N, C-alpha and C. Protein backbone atom coordinates (compact mmCIF):
# COMPACT_ATOMS: atom_id res chain seq x y z
N UNK A 1 110.91 95.31 100.24
CA UNK A 1 109.91 94.62 100.97
C UNK A 1 108.84 94.15 100.11
N UNK A 2 108.11 93.04 100.46
CA UNK A 2 107.21 92.31 99.69
C UNK A 2 105.84 92.94 100.07
N UNK A 3 104.99 93.13 98.97
CA UNK A 3 103.68 93.80 99.12
C UNK A 3 102.76 92.94 99.83
N UNK A 4 102.04 93.36 100.87
CA UNK A 4 101.26 92.48 101.64
C UNK A 4 99.86 93.31 101.66
N UNK A 5 98.90 92.71 101.00
CA UNK A 5 97.58 93.49 101.01
C UNK A 5 96.62 92.72 102.02
N UNK A 6 95.89 93.40 102.78
CA UNK A 6 94.83 92.54 103.71
C UNK A 6 93.34 93.22 103.41
N UNK A 7 92.54 92.45 103.74
CA UNK A 7 91.27 92.89 103.85
C UNK A 7 91.03 94.01 104.95
N UNK A 8 90.11 94.89 105.01
CA UNK A 8 89.94 95.97 105.81
C UNK A 8 89.66 95.33 107.27
N UNK A 9 90.38 95.86 108.21
CA UNK A 9 90.33 95.19 109.48
C UNK A 9 89.85 96.42 110.61
N UNK A 10 88.89 96.06 111.34
CA UNK A 10 88.24 97.02 112.15
C UNK A 10 89.25 97.31 113.34
N UNK A 11 90.29 96.41 113.56
CA UNK A 11 91.33 96.76 114.61
C UNK A 11 92.28 97.90 114.20
N UNK A 12 92.42 98.30 112.84
CA UNK A 12 93.29 99.38 112.53
C UNK A 12 93.03 100.68 113.15
N UNK A 13 91.82 101.01 113.33
CA UNK A 13 91.42 102.19 114.23
C UNK A 13 91.98 102.34 115.53
N UNK A 14 91.79 101.08 116.14
CA UNK A 14 92.36 100.90 117.46
C UNK A 14 93.85 101.10 117.58
N UNK A 15 94.44 100.44 116.62
CA UNK A 15 95.94 100.59 116.35
C UNK A 15 96.45 102.17 116.33
N UNK A 16 95.75 102.74 115.47
CA UNK A 16 95.78 104.09 115.30
C UNK A 16 95.80 105.01 116.72
N UNK A 17 94.57 104.66 117.25
CA UNK A 17 94.32 105.43 118.56
C UNK A 17 95.45 105.00 119.73
N UNK A 18 95.84 103.75 119.84
CA UNK A 18 96.96 103.31 120.73
C UNK A 18 98.34 104.06 120.33
N UNK A 19 98.64 104.09 119.23
CA UNK A 19 99.83 104.61 118.74
C UNK A 19 99.84 106.21 119.15
N UNK A 20 98.62 106.76 118.73
CA UNK A 20 98.41 108.22 119.03
C UNK A 20 98.73 108.61 120.51
N UNK A 21 98.15 107.74 121.45
CA UNK A 21 98.22 107.97 122.90
C UNK A 21 99.74 107.85 123.33
N UNK A 22 100.46 106.77 122.63
CA UNK A 22 101.77 106.66 122.91
C UNK A 22 102.71 107.76 122.49
N UNK A 23 102.58 108.22 121.26
CA UNK A 23 103.26 109.42 120.69
C UNK A 23 102.88 110.62 121.55
N UNK A 24 101.72 110.84 121.90
CA UNK A 24 101.43 111.96 122.87
C UNK A 24 102.35 111.92 124.04
N UNK A 25 102.85 110.89 124.57
CA UNK A 25 103.70 110.86 125.80
C UNK A 25 104.95 111.23 125.39
N UNK A 26 105.44 111.04 124.06
CA UNK A 26 106.81 111.38 123.77
C UNK A 26 106.79 112.93 123.17
N UNK A 27 105.92 113.41 122.40
CA UNK A 27 106.00 114.58 121.73
C UNK A 27 105.23 115.79 122.54
N UNK A 28 104.34 115.19 123.45
CA UNK A 28 103.46 116.28 124.14
C UNK A 28 103.03 117.44 123.42
N UNK A 29 103.29 118.65 123.71
CA UNK A 29 102.87 119.90 123.32
C UNK A 29 103.18 120.23 121.91
N UNK A 30 104.07 119.35 121.26
CA UNK A 30 104.64 119.85 119.97
C UNK A 30 103.32 119.29 119.01
N UNK A 31 102.59 118.40 119.37
CA UNK A 31 101.31 117.98 118.56
C UNK A 31 100.16 118.67 118.67
N UNK A 32 99.58 119.03 117.71
CA UNK A 32 98.30 119.86 117.61
C UNK A 32 97.19 118.91 117.63
N UNK A 33 97.31 117.87 116.55
CA UNK A 33 96.20 116.74 116.30
C UNK A 33 96.87 115.75 115.54
N UNK A 34 96.16 114.68 115.78
CA UNK A 34 96.55 113.31 115.06
C UNK A 34 95.44 112.93 113.98
N UNK A 35 95.75 112.50 112.88
CA UNK A 35 94.73 112.02 111.94
C UNK A 35 95.23 110.61 111.39
N UNK A 36 94.18 109.84 111.19
CA UNK A 36 94.28 108.59 110.54
C UNK A 36 94.15 108.66 109.01
N UNK A 37 94.99 108.36 108.18
CA UNK A 37 94.65 108.62 106.95
C UNK A 37 95.34 107.24 106.07
N UNK A 38 95.19 107.38 104.76
CA UNK A 38 95.56 106.24 103.89
C UNK A 38 94.50 105.13 103.80
N UNK A 39 94.84 103.93 103.24
CA UNK A 39 93.78 102.91 103.01
C UNK A 39 93.30 102.37 104.31
N UNK A 40 94.16 102.22 105.20
CA UNK A 40 93.64 101.69 106.57
C UNK A 40 92.71 102.50 107.20
N UNK A 41 92.39 103.65 106.67
CA UNK A 41 91.35 104.63 107.41
C UNK A 41 90.09 104.64 106.67
N UNK A 42 89.99 103.83 105.56
CA UNK A 42 88.82 103.78 104.79
C UNK A 42 88.12 102.54 104.73
N UNK A 43 86.90 102.41 105.38
CA UNK A 43 86.36 101.12 105.54
C UNK A 43 86.20 100.37 104.09
N UNK A 44 86.39 99.04 104.02
CA UNK A 44 86.25 98.21 102.78
C UNK A 44 87.39 98.23 101.90
N UNK A 45 88.34 99.05 102.10
CA UNK A 45 89.53 99.00 101.11
C UNK A 45 90.54 97.95 101.59
N UNK A 46 91.07 97.16 100.65
CA UNK A 46 92.14 96.35 100.81
C UNK A 46 93.35 97.47 100.97
N UNK A 47 94.24 96.95 101.97
CA UNK A 47 95.30 97.88 102.30
C UNK A 47 96.58 97.17 102.78
N UNK A 48 97.64 97.67 102.52
CA UNK A 48 98.86 97.15 103.12
C UNK A 48 98.56 97.35 104.59
N UNK A 49 98.81 96.39 105.56
CA UNK A 49 98.34 96.61 107.05
C UNK A 49 99.41 97.38 107.73
N UNK A 50 99.61 98.62 107.27
CA UNK A 50 100.47 99.56 107.89
C UNK A 50 99.57 100.96 108.10
N UNK A 51 99.53 101.23 109.35
CA UNK A 51 98.62 102.26 109.59
C UNK A 51 99.50 103.72 109.31
N UNK A 52 98.86 104.46 108.38
CA UNK A 52 99.47 105.75 108.16
C UNK A 52 98.79 106.81 109.13
N UNK A 53 99.68 107.36 109.89
CA UNK A 53 99.25 108.36 110.88
C UNK A 53 99.89 109.81 110.49
N UNK A 54 99.00 110.79 110.77
CA UNK A 54 99.55 112.05 110.50
C UNK A 54 99.53 112.72 111.84
N UNK A 55 100.69 113.35 112.19
CA UNK A 55 100.96 114.24 113.50
C UNK A 55 101.06 115.56 112.84
N UNK A 56 100.03 116.45 113.20
CA UNK A 56 100.15 117.89 112.75
C UNK A 56 100.79 118.61 113.99
N UNK A 57 101.85 119.34 113.70
CA UNK A 57 102.60 119.97 114.75
C UNK A 57 102.85 121.36 114.51
N UNK A 58 103.17 122.10 115.58
CA UNK A 58 103.42 123.48 115.67
C UNK A 58 104.60 123.92 114.72
N UNK A 59 105.73 123.32 114.95
CA UNK A 59 106.95 123.57 114.29
C UNK A 59 107.72 122.17 113.94
N UNK A 60 107.79 122.07 112.58
CA UNK A 60 108.46 120.81 112.09
C UNK A 60 109.83 120.64 112.42
N UNK A 61 110.62 121.79 112.50
CA UNK A 61 112.12 121.73 112.89
C UNK A 61 112.24 121.03 114.41
N UNK A 62 111.31 121.24 115.19
CA UNK A 62 111.37 120.80 116.66
C UNK A 62 111.27 119.19 116.55
N UNK A 63 110.69 118.61 115.56
CA UNK A 63 110.58 117.11 115.55
C UNK A 63 111.78 116.49 115.35
N UNK A 64 112.85 117.06 114.78
CA UNK A 64 114.11 116.55 114.52
C UNK A 64 114.84 116.32 115.88
N UNK A 65 114.59 117.11 116.94
CA UNK A 65 115.16 116.91 118.18
C UNK A 65 114.78 115.48 118.83
N UNK A 66 113.83 114.85 118.33
CA UNK A 66 113.32 113.52 118.84
C UNK A 66 113.73 112.35 118.18
N UNK A 67 114.67 112.58 117.15
CA UNK A 67 115.10 111.43 116.28
C UNK A 67 115.94 110.32 117.08
N UNK A 68 116.71 110.85 117.93
CA UNK A 68 117.44 109.83 118.75
C UNK A 68 116.61 109.03 119.71
N UNK A 69 115.61 109.83 120.27
CA UNK A 69 114.70 109.08 121.15
C UNK A 69 113.78 108.13 120.39
N UNK A 70 113.31 108.45 119.30
CA UNK A 70 112.49 107.60 118.30
C UNK A 70 113.27 106.48 117.98
N UNK A 71 114.48 106.61 117.39
CA UNK A 71 115.49 105.40 117.17
C UNK A 71 115.69 104.55 118.21
N UNK A 72 115.83 104.90 119.45
CA UNK A 72 115.93 104.17 120.64
C UNK A 72 114.74 103.34 120.97
N UNK A 73 113.49 103.86 120.58
CA UNK A 73 112.27 103.03 120.72
C UNK A 73 111.99 102.08 119.58
N UNK A 74 112.94 101.94 118.68
CA UNK A 74 112.74 101.08 117.57
C UNK A 74 112.02 101.68 116.25
N UNK A 75 112.03 102.86 116.22
CA UNK A 75 111.41 103.56 114.97
C UNK A 75 112.59 103.93 113.99
N UNK A 76 112.35 103.64 112.63
CA UNK A 76 113.21 104.04 111.74
C UNK A 76 113.03 105.57 111.41
N UNK A 77 114.09 106.24 111.42
CA UNK A 77 113.92 107.69 111.30
C UNK A 77 114.36 108.02 109.76
N UNK A 78 113.25 108.38 109.05
CA UNK A 78 113.44 108.54 107.58
C UNK A 78 113.51 110.00 107.04
N UNK A 79 113.41 110.91 107.87
CA UNK A 79 113.51 112.32 107.60
C UNK A 79 112.22 112.60 106.48
N UNK A 80 112.61 113.59 105.53
CA UNK A 80 111.65 114.10 104.75
C UNK A 80 110.94 112.97 103.78
N UNK A 81 111.82 112.00 103.49
CA UNK A 81 111.60 110.79 102.60
C UNK A 81 110.79 111.21 101.43
N UNK A 82 111.34 112.31 100.64
CA UNK A 82 110.73 112.73 99.48
C UNK A 82 109.68 113.79 99.34
N UNK A 83 109.26 114.18 100.53
CA UNK A 83 108.20 115.16 100.66
C UNK A 83 108.80 116.28 101.47
N UNK A 84 109.10 117.50 100.98
CA UNK A 84 109.66 118.62 101.73
C UNK A 84 108.55 119.02 102.83
N UNK A 85 109.37 119.29 103.96
CA UNK A 85 108.37 119.69 105.12
C UNK A 85 107.88 118.49 105.83
N UNK A 86 108.06 117.25 105.45
CA UNK A 86 107.54 116.13 106.29
C UNK A 86 108.60 115.57 107.10
N UNK A 87 108.30 114.81 108.27
CA UNK A 87 109.25 114.03 108.96
C UNK A 87 108.52 112.61 108.98
N UNK A 88 109.21 111.58 108.59
CA UNK A 88 108.64 110.33 108.58
C UNK A 88 109.31 109.32 109.62
N UNK A 89 108.69 108.57 110.40
CA UNK A 89 109.26 107.60 111.32
C UNK A 89 108.38 106.41 110.71
N UNK A 90 109.16 105.10 110.75
CA UNK A 90 108.49 103.88 110.47
C UNK A 90 108.62 102.98 111.59
N UNK A 91 107.60 102.34 111.96
CA UNK A 91 107.72 101.30 113.11
C UNK A 91 107.53 99.90 112.57
N UNK A 92 108.21 99.06 113.22
CA UNK A 92 108.00 97.58 112.81
C UNK A 92 109.10 97.01 111.99
N UNK A 93 109.96 97.66 111.52
CA UNK A 93 111.09 96.88 110.71
C UNK A 93 110.47 96.43 109.43
N UNK A 94 110.92 95.18 109.11
CA UNK A 94 110.46 94.53 107.89
C UNK A 94 108.86 94.20 107.86
N UNK A 95 108.38 94.02 109.06
CA UNK A 95 106.87 93.82 109.26
C UNK A 95 106.24 95.01 109.92
N UNK A 96 106.51 96.10 109.07
CA UNK A 96 105.90 97.41 109.53
C UNK A 96 104.58 97.49 109.99
N UNK A 97 104.24 98.28 110.98
CA UNK A 97 102.86 98.31 111.42
C UNK A 97 102.45 99.77 111.23
N UNK A 98 103.30 100.85 111.24
CA UNK A 98 102.92 102.16 111.29
C UNK A 98 103.91 102.90 110.48
N UNK A 99 103.44 103.90 109.72
CA UNK A 99 104.13 104.96 109.06
C UNK A 99 103.71 106.29 109.84
N UNK A 100 104.50 107.01 110.33
CA UNK A 100 103.96 108.21 111.12
C UNK A 100 104.56 109.41 110.53
N UNK A 101 103.72 110.13 109.71
CA UNK A 101 104.13 111.41 109.12
C UNK A 101 103.85 112.53 109.90
N UNK A 102 104.83 113.33 110.13
CA UNK A 102 104.70 114.64 110.81
C UNK A 102 104.74 115.70 109.74
N UNK A 103 103.80 116.73 109.99
CA UNK A 103 103.84 118.06 109.14
C UNK A 103 103.46 119.23 109.98
N UNK A 104 104.10 120.31 109.60
CA UNK A 104 103.76 121.45 110.35
C UNK A 104 102.18 121.89 109.92
N UNK A 105 101.62 122.50 110.74
CA UNK A 105 100.14 122.95 110.69
C UNK A 105 99.85 123.46 109.38
N UNK A 106 100.83 124.22 108.58
CA UNK A 106 100.47 124.95 107.40
C UNK A 106 100.88 124.27 106.19
N UNK A 107 101.20 122.97 106.23
CA UNK A 107 101.85 122.22 105.23
C UNK A 107 100.69 121.88 104.20
N UNK A 108 100.63 122.18 102.87
CA UNK A 108 99.69 121.81 101.84
C UNK A 108 99.47 120.34 101.72
N UNK A 109 100.38 119.43 102.04
CA UNK A 109 100.07 118.05 101.98
C UNK A 109 99.07 117.57 103.02
N UNK A 110 98.89 118.33 104.04
CA UNK A 110 97.86 117.75 105.15
C UNK A 110 96.58 117.83 104.39
N UNK A 111 96.10 118.82 103.64
CA UNK A 111 94.67 118.85 103.00
C UNK A 111 94.68 117.82 101.84
N UNK A 112 95.80 117.54 101.10
CA UNK A 112 95.79 116.63 99.92
C UNK A 112 95.49 115.24 100.61
N UNK A 113 96.13 114.89 101.73
CA UNK A 113 95.79 113.56 102.28
C UNK A 113 94.50 113.54 102.75
N UNK A 114 94.06 114.41 103.65
CA UNK A 114 92.73 114.32 104.17
C UNK A 114 91.72 114.55 103.33
N UNK A 115 91.67 115.26 102.27
CA UNK A 115 90.61 115.35 101.26
C UNK A 115 90.54 114.11 100.49
N UNK A 116 91.75 113.36 100.15
CA UNK A 116 91.57 112.04 99.45
C UNK A 116 90.89 111.05 100.41
N UNK A 117 91.32 111.15 101.55
CA UNK A 117 90.69 110.10 102.62
C UNK A 117 89.19 110.35 102.58
N UNK A 118 88.72 111.58 102.70
CA UNK A 118 87.33 111.90 102.97
C UNK A 118 86.60 111.54 101.61
N UNK A 119 87.20 111.74 100.42
CA UNK A 119 86.56 111.53 99.37
C UNK A 119 86.28 109.89 99.18
N UNK A 120 87.28 109.16 99.54
CA UNK A 120 87.09 107.69 99.38
C UNK A 120 86.00 107.20 100.42
N UNK A 121 85.93 107.83 101.59
CA UNK A 121 84.92 107.49 102.48
C UNK A 121 83.53 108.05 102.17
N UNK A 122 83.53 109.08 101.35
CA UNK A 122 82.13 109.72 100.91
C UNK A 122 81.71 108.91 99.71
N UNK A 123 82.60 108.27 98.82
CA UNK A 123 82.16 107.60 97.56
C UNK A 123 82.70 106.24 97.60
N UNK A 124 82.04 105.24 98.08
CA UNK A 124 82.42 103.82 98.16
C UNK A 124 82.73 103.24 96.82
N UNK A 125 82.10 103.65 95.80
CA UNK A 125 82.46 103.13 94.58
C UNK A 125 83.87 103.54 94.25
N UNK A 126 84.21 104.75 94.49
CA UNK A 126 85.54 105.15 94.21
C UNK A 126 86.56 104.35 95.05
N UNK A 127 86.25 104.08 96.19
CA UNK A 127 87.14 103.30 97.20
C UNK A 127 87.29 101.81 96.72
N UNK A 128 86.07 101.32 96.17
CA UNK A 128 86.16 99.92 95.60
C UNK A 128 87.15 99.93 94.21
N UNK A 129 87.00 100.95 93.52
CA UNK A 129 87.85 101.04 92.30
C UNK A 129 89.22 101.03 92.76
N UNK A 130 89.65 101.84 93.75
CA UNK A 130 90.92 101.93 94.11
C UNK A 130 91.52 100.52 94.82
N UNK A 131 90.58 99.95 95.52
CA UNK A 131 90.92 98.68 96.14
C UNK A 131 91.35 97.54 95.08
N UNK A 132 90.43 97.58 93.99
CA UNK A 132 90.56 96.45 92.94
C UNK A 132 91.71 96.87 92.14
N UNK A 133 92.14 98.03 91.95
CA UNK A 133 93.33 98.46 91.31
C UNK A 133 94.49 97.91 92.07
N UNK A 134 94.52 98.07 93.41
CA UNK A 134 95.62 97.78 94.23
C UNK A 134 95.86 96.22 94.22
N UNK A 135 94.68 95.55 94.24
CA UNK A 135 94.73 94.05 94.06
C UNK A 135 95.49 93.61 92.76
N UNK A 136 95.11 94.23 91.74
CA UNK A 136 95.83 93.87 90.28
C UNK A 136 97.20 94.13 90.41
N UNK A 137 97.64 95.27 91.02
CA UNK A 137 99.14 95.53 91.10
C UNK A 137 99.78 94.57 92.08
N UNK A 138 99.13 94.05 93.16
CA UNK A 138 99.75 93.36 94.12
C UNK A 138 100.05 91.95 93.49
N UNK A 139 99.18 91.45 92.57
CA UNK A 139 99.31 90.28 91.87
C UNK A 139 100.43 90.34 90.79
N UNK A 140 100.70 91.64 90.41
CA UNK A 140 101.74 91.87 89.29
C UNK A 140 103.22 92.06 89.94
N UNK A 141 103.19 92.78 91.00
CA UNK A 141 104.37 93.27 91.73
C UNK A 141 104.55 92.64 93.01
N UNK A 142 105.70 92.12 93.30
CA UNK A 142 106.08 91.51 94.61
C UNK A 142 106.67 92.66 95.62
N UNK A 143 107.40 93.47 94.97
CA UNK A 143 108.24 94.53 95.64
C UNK A 143 107.38 95.84 95.90
N UNK A 144 107.37 96.30 97.05
CA UNK A 144 106.56 97.54 97.39
C UNK A 144 107.01 98.60 96.58
N UNK A 145 108.21 98.70 96.41
CA UNK A 145 108.79 99.89 95.57
C UNK A 145 107.92 99.99 94.15
N UNK A 146 108.00 98.79 93.58
CA UNK A 146 107.54 98.62 92.17
C UNK A 146 105.90 98.94 92.27
N UNK A 147 105.30 98.33 93.21
CA UNK A 147 103.91 98.36 93.53
C UNK A 147 103.58 100.06 93.61
N UNK A 148 104.32 100.73 94.45
CA UNK A 148 104.01 102.08 94.71
C UNK A 148 104.12 103.11 93.57
N UNK A 149 105.23 102.80 92.79
CA UNK A 149 105.46 103.35 91.51
C UNK A 149 104.39 103.19 90.53
N UNK A 150 103.92 101.96 90.52
CA UNK A 150 102.85 101.63 89.45
C UNK A 150 101.57 102.16 89.90
N UNK A 151 101.26 102.55 90.99
CA UNK A 151 99.90 103.18 91.35
C UNK A 151 99.96 104.66 91.33
N UNK A 152 101.05 105.31 91.19
CA UNK A 152 101.37 106.72 91.29
C UNK A 152 100.29 107.45 90.43
N UNK A 153 100.32 107.15 89.06
CA UNK A 153 99.34 107.81 88.28
C UNK A 153 97.97 107.85 88.49
N UNK A 154 97.52 106.46 88.97
CA UNK A 154 96.06 106.31 89.20
C UNK A 154 95.89 106.99 90.45
N UNK A 155 96.59 107.07 91.51
CA UNK A 155 96.30 107.82 92.63
C UNK A 155 96.27 109.32 92.38
N UNK A 156 97.19 109.74 91.58
CA UNK A 156 97.30 111.22 91.24
C UNK A 156 95.91 111.58 90.57
N UNK A 157 95.52 110.90 89.69
CA UNK A 157 94.28 111.23 88.90
C UNK A 157 93.00 111.08 89.91
N UNK A 158 93.06 110.11 90.83
CA UNK A 158 91.86 109.95 91.92
C UNK A 158 91.99 111.19 92.72
N UNK A 159 93.28 111.58 93.24
CA UNK A 159 93.38 112.76 94.09
C UNK A 159 92.85 114.06 93.40
N UNK A 160 92.96 114.11 92.04
CA UNK A 160 92.52 115.33 91.27
C UNK A 160 90.94 115.39 91.45
N UNK A 161 90.38 114.04 91.25
CA UNK A 161 88.89 114.10 91.32
C UNK A 161 88.51 114.47 92.80
N UNK A 162 89.32 114.07 93.76
CA UNK A 162 88.84 114.37 95.28
C UNK A 162 88.97 115.94 95.48
N UNK A 163 90.04 116.50 94.92
CA UNK A 163 90.22 117.90 95.05
C UNK A 163 88.96 118.73 94.28
N UNK A 164 88.56 118.20 93.12
CA UNK A 164 87.63 118.91 92.38
C UNK A 164 86.15 118.65 93.18
N UNK A 165 86.04 117.52 93.81
CA UNK A 165 84.95 117.32 94.77
C UNK A 165 84.94 118.25 95.84
N UNK A 166 86.14 118.36 96.53
CA UNK A 166 86.17 119.26 97.68
C UNK A 166 85.76 120.69 97.40
N UNK A 167 86.35 121.22 96.12
CA UNK A 167 86.34 122.57 95.55
C UNK A 167 84.83 122.72 94.99
N UNK A 168 84.01 121.68 94.96
CA UNK A 168 82.63 121.92 94.34
C UNK A 168 82.73 121.99 92.93
N UNK A 169 83.65 121.51 92.26
CA UNK A 169 83.89 121.47 90.72
C UNK A 169 83.05 120.37 90.04
């Protein structure tokens, strides 16, 4: 898939809220909480215009029971997709609009994602660095797979700074 970077869009928060309301009608009591994370949740950052949603649930195993229903509604069912304990659904086909990440309430990836988001929201200069780096990569790589691989080390280092910030180091 081709890399698409967009300027920050105020509409992204509304897209998150609309999708959360819709998913609540499907998953009901399985969901504890929804979180908007990733670049579309941080004001001012350029982002692939795909809303990253986190659905924190009581029991991740129960989510598998919804695969057929989600598929019938047009969501790509991706399973763990490289992160143990996650269930990923993608909406929008080639023109994706949402990545919906389900995690059981005690999964350590929840904090990793939310701390990184909050760090970027707290330190706009770090968010700007990240945004500029993504722009450079988007000029260099056409394919999202290559783009994502190329930003891995940068993101890991920034996540480390975010964890140190969160832990008061």
